[in-house]
Amino acid sequence: QNLRGPITDGYVLPDAIANIFAAKKENQVALITGWNENEGLMFGPVKNAAEFTKDATEKYGADAGAFLKYYPAGNDSIAQLSQLNLARDMIFSVQNYTWANIQSSHGAKVYVYRFTRKVPATGEYVKYGAFHTGEVPYAYNNLQFVNRPWEQVDKALANTMSDYWVNFAKSGNPNGSGLIDWPSYRADSKMIMVFSENPSVKKMWDSESLDFLLGKMSGK
């Protein structure tokens, strides 16, 4: 028996998740979702620019040009970054982007964020940037439990993020006094909160690449 993934048990999960959302039978609750800028995970050797371009041509054919526009390979360094971004998008971004689009289209309030703060580090760890789970100590305002060279801007960001999270837990709306207004997400406007050194609201800048990947995943 394959136990990977959610188990449709007929009680907690009465049907496959995709079927539940297609039927608009998901719980109509507010949602915060998002992802970190540098949480791509590599599960194999990094390809150089020529190898990455060759793989793109073989996989995407006539659409390889579009793929390489979103994930360029002008040189080996750029190709390496593209592979990290592609891994991030395939593992984290596409799923959360789809969830936000569907749940918001069904009338629920959805709030989308992107965490971009390069988490302070020392030694070899400085290369990881806004890595997977890097936002957690900020959202729960417990930087003191993590041994990193925190700066004042990190403490301020943790105060801000945790205020949004507490407000959301209390009311289903992250906004409150003294905070930048975090607009609810809509698929047509795609406004999100960017948690960086200076938190701000911006239009999602890479939705075209996510739409491209979603199209390929659906066979378009």
Protein backbone atom coordinates (compact mmCIF):
# COMPACT_ATOMS: atom_id res chain seq x y z
CA GLN A 1 0.00 0.00 0.00
CA ASN A 2 1.36 3.41 -1.00
CA LEU A 3 1.13 5.69 2.03
CA ARG A 4 2.88 8.67 0.51
CA GLY A 5 0.80 11.83 0.53
CA PRO A 6 -2.55 12.56 2.19
CA ILE A 7 -4.72 9.53 2.96
CA THR A 8 -8.37 9.77 1.90
CA ASP A 9 -9.91 8.18 4.99
CA GLY A 10 -13.52 9.19 4.38
CA TYR A 11 -13.67 11.17 7.63
CA VAL A 12 -10.89 13.73 8.11
CA LEU A 13 -10.30 13.74 4.36
CA PRO A 14 -13.47 12.52 2.64
CA ASP A 15 -12.08 12.81 -0.90
CA ALA A 16 -8.90 13.66 -2.78
CA ILE A 17 -7.86 17.26 -2.10
CA ALA A 18 -8.10 18.25 -5.77
CA ASN A 19 -11.66 16.89 -5.92
CA ILE A 20 -12.67 18.76 -2.77
CA PHE A 21 -11.47 22.07 -4.16
CA ALA A 22 -12.94 21.39 -7.60
CA ALA A 23 -16.32 20.89 -5.94
CA LYS A 24 -15.82 24.00 -3.76
CA LYS A 25 -16.27 21.89 -0.65
CA GLU A 26 -13.11 23.03 1.13
CA ASN A 27 -13.48 24.85 4.45
CA GLN A 28 -14.15 28.52 3.74
CA VAL A 29 -11.55 29.93 6.09
CA ALA A 30 -9.00 32.72 5.85
CA LEU A 31 -5.52 31.68 4.77
CA ILE A 32 -1.95 32.95 5.04
CA THR A 33 0.39 31.25 2.62
CA GLY A 34 3.66 32.06 0.92
CA TRP A 35 7.22 30.98 0.45
CA ASN A 36 10.83 32.05 0.88
CA GLU A 37 12.98 33.52 -1.86
CA ASN A 38 15.88 31.08 -1.51
CA GLU A 39 14.30 27.80 -0.44
CA GLY A 40 15.18 25.82 -3.54
CA LEU A 41 16.60 22.39 -2.70
CA MET A 42 19.05 20.69 -5.06
CA PHE A 43 18.86 16.90 -5.21
CA GLY A 44 21.69 16.32 -7.64
CA PRO A 45 24.80 17.89 -9.15
CA VAL A 46 24.52 21.43 -10.50
CA LYS A 47 24.44 21.58 -14.31
CA ASN A 48 26.59 24.07 -16.17
CA ALA A 49 24.96 26.50 -18.60
CA ALA A 50 25.37 24.24 -21.64
CA GLU A 51 23.92 21.21 -19.84
CA PHE A 52 21.02 23.20 -18.42
CA THR A 53 20.19 24.64 -21.86
CA LYS A 54 20.40 21.20 -23.47
CA ASP A 55 18.07 19.71 -20.87
CA ALA A 56 15.60 22.57 -21.34
CA THR A 57 15.59 22.06 -25.10
CA GLU A 58 15.00 18.32 -24.75
CA LYS A 59 12.24 18.72 -22.17
CA TYR A 60 10.37 21.77 -23.46
CA GLY A 61 11.01 21.65 -27.20
CA ALA A 62 9.38 24.64 -28.89
CA ASP A 63 8.75 26.17 -25.47
CA ALA A 64 12.42 26.01 -24.42
CA GLY A 65 12.90 29.68 -25.31
CA ALA A 66 10.10 30.68 -22.94
CA PHE A 67 11.50 28.43 -20.21
CA LEU A 68 14.98 29.94 -20.56
CA LYS A 69 13.50 33.43 -20.39
CA TYR A 70 12.17 32.61 -16.92
CA TYR A 71 15.14 30.44 -15.91
CA PRO A 72 18.08 31.81 -17.92
CA ALA A 73 21.45 30.17 -18.50
CA GLY A 74 23.63 32.99 -19.81
CA ASN A 75 26.61 31.59 -17.95
CA ASP A 76 27.32 28.91 -15.36
CA SER A 77 26.56 31.17 -12.38
CA ILE A 78 23.24 32.29 -13.84
CA ALA A 79 22.36 28.69 -14.70
CA GLN A 80 23.08 27.63 -11.12
CA LEU A 81 20.78 30.34 -9.76
CA SER A 82 18.09 29.32 -12.25
CA GLN A 83 18.30 25.72 -11.07
CA LEU A 84 17.82 26.84 -7.48
CA ASN A 85 14.88 29.06 -8.47
CA LEU A 86 13.35 26.25 -10.52
CA ALA A 87 13.67 23.85 -7.59
CA ARG A 88 12.04 26.43 -5.31
CA ASP A 89 9.18 26.93 -7.72
CA MET A 90 8.56 23.25 -8.38
CA ILE A 91 8.72 22.23 -4.71
CA PHE A 92 7.12 25.22 -2.97
CA SER A 93 5.93 28.08 -5.17
CA VAL A 94 3.61 26.35 -7.63
CA GLN A 95 1.68 24.58 -4.88
CA ASN A 96 1.15 27.65 -2.71
CA TYR A 97 0.44 29.85 -5.73
CA THR A 98 -2.24 27.42 -6.92
CA TRP A 99 -3.74 27.19 -3.44
CA ALA A 100 -3.92 30.99 -3.15
CA ASN A 101 -5.50 31.36 -6.59
CA ILE A 102 -8.14 28.70 -6.02
CA GLN A 103 -9.07 29.52 -2.45
CA SER A 104 -9.30 33.26 -3.14
CA SER A 105 -11.44 32.62 -6.24
CA HIS A 106 -13.89 30.73 -4.03
CA GLY A 107 -14.43 33.78 -1.84
CA ALA A 108 -12.07 33.18 1.06
CA LYS A 109 -9.71 35.86 2.31
CA VAL A 110 -6.17 34.89 1.37
CA TYR A 111 -2.97 36.69 2.33
CA VAL A 112 0.20 35.82 0.41
CA TYR A 113 3.75 36.67 1.46
CA ARG A 114 7.28 36.31 0.17
CA PHE A 115 10.06 36.18 2.73
CA THR A 116 13.23 37.68 1.20
CA ARG A 117 15.36 38.67 4.20
CA LYS A 118 18.83 37.12 3.90
CA VAL A 119 19.02 35.48 7.31
CA PRO A 120 22.22 36.58 9.10
CA ALA A 121 24.81 33.83 9.35
CA THR A 122 28.50 33.10 9.75
CA GLY A 123 30.95 30.84 7.95
CA GLU A 124 29.61 28.59 5.21
CA TYR A 125 26.00 29.35 6.15
CA VAL A 126 26.07 32.86 4.68
CA LYS A 127 25.36 31.35 1.25
CA TYR A 128 21.83 30.21 2.10
CA GLY A 129 19.98 33.55 2.08
CA ALA A 130 16.22 33.40 2.77
CA PHE A 131 16.31 29.62 3.14
CA HIS A 132 13.53 27.12 3.85
CA THR A 133 12.12 27.66 7.39
CA GLY A 134 14.21 30.84 7.71
CA GLU A 135 11.03 32.85 8.35
CA VAL A 136 9.88 30.77 11.32
CA PRO A 137 11.82 32.56 14.13
CA TYR A 138 10.53 35.88 12.75
CA ALA A 139 6.87 34.85 12.47
CA TYR A 140 6.88 33.58 16.07
CA ASN A 141 9.19 36.30 17.36
CA ASN A 142 11.68 33.96 18.99
CA LEU A 143 15.00 34.99 17.47
CA GLN A 144 16.55 34.62 20.91
CA PHE A 145 16.33 30.85 20.63
CA VAL A 146 18.39 30.74 17.42
CA ASN A 147 22.14 31.34 17.56
CA ARG A 148 22.71 33.80 14.71
CA PRO A 149 24.27 37.28 14.50
CA TRP A 150 20.92 39.06 14.55
CA GLU A 151 20.80 42.76 13.70
CA GLN A 152 18.34 45.39 14.83
CA VAL A 153 16.52 45.09 11.50
CA ASP A 154 15.88 41.41 12.25
CA LYS A 155 14.31 42.24 15.61
CA ALA A 156 12.11 44.84 13.96
CA LEU A 157 11.08 42.39 11.24
CA ALA A 158 10.28 39.74 13.86
CA ASN A 159 8.08 42.21 15.74
CA THR A 160 6.25 43.11 12.54
CA MET A 161 5.76 39.58 11.27
CA SER A 162 4.61 38.24 14.62
CA ASP A 163 2.09 41.09 14.93
CA TYR A 164 0.57 40.04 11.60
CA TRP A 165 0.50 36.39 12.66
CA VAL A 166 -1.09 37.11 16.05
CA ASN A 167 -3.72 39.36 14.48
CA PHE A 168 -4.53 36.66 11.96
CA ALA A 169 -4.82 34.02 14.67
CA LYS A 170 -7.23 36.25 16.59
CA SER A 171 -9.45 37.45 13.77
CA GLY A 172 -8.56 35.88 10.42
CA ASN A 173 -7.15 39.24 9.33
CA PRO A 174 -3.44 40.00 9.80
CA ASN A 175 -3.87 43.77 9.74
CA GLY A 176 -3.85 46.01 12.76
CA SER A 177 -2.72 49.30 14.23
CA GLY A 178 0.77 50.42 13.27
CA LEU A 179 1.15 47.90 10.46
CA ILE A 180 1.31 48.38 6.70
CA ASP A 181 -1.99 47.27 5.20
CA TRP A 182 -1.61 43.73 3.86
CA PRO A 183 -4.22 43.43 1.09
CA SER A 184 -6.07 40.20 0.53
CA TYR A 185 -4.77 38.35 -2.51
CA ARG A 186 -6.67 38.17 -5.79
CA ALA A 187 -5.58 36.27 -8.88
CA ASP A 188 -6.10 39.32 -11.09
CA SER A 189 -4.02 41.77 -9.02
CA LYS A 190 -1.57 39.37 -7.30
CA MET A 191 -0.59 41.81 -4.53
CA ILE A 192 1.56 40.22 -1.83
CA MET A 193 3.44 41.22 1.30
CA VAL A 194 7.22 41.13 0.97
CA PHE A 195 8.96 40.51 4.28
CA SER A 196 12.42 42.04 3.87
CA GLU A 197 14.53 44.62 5.67
CA ASN A 198 11.76 47.06 4.72
CA PRO A 199 8.45 45.17 4.49
CA SER A 200 6.27 46.37 1.64
CA VAL A 201 3.35 45.39 -0.56
CA LYS A 202 4.23 44.53 -4.15
CA LYS A 203 2.73 42.79 -7.14
CA MET A 204 4.06 39.26 -7.40
CA TRP A 205 6.98 39.62 -9.81
CA ASP A 206 7.37 36.04 -11.00
CA SER A 207 3.81 34.85 -11.57
CA GLU A 208 4.47 34.42 -15.31
CA SER A 209 7.10 31.77 -14.64
CA LEU A 210 4.71 29.97 -12.28
CA ASP A 211 1.92 30.12 -14.86
CA PHE A 212 4.35 28.67 -17.41
CA LEU A 213 5.24 25.76 -15.13
CA LEU A 214 1.58 25.13 -14.31
CA GLY A 215 0.77 25.06 -18.01
CA LYS A 216 3.47 22.48 -18.66
CA MET A 217 2.34 20.39 -15.70
CA SER A 218 -1.21 20.32 -17.08
CA GLY A 219 0.04 19.36 -20.54
CA LYS A 220 -0.54 22.70 -22.26
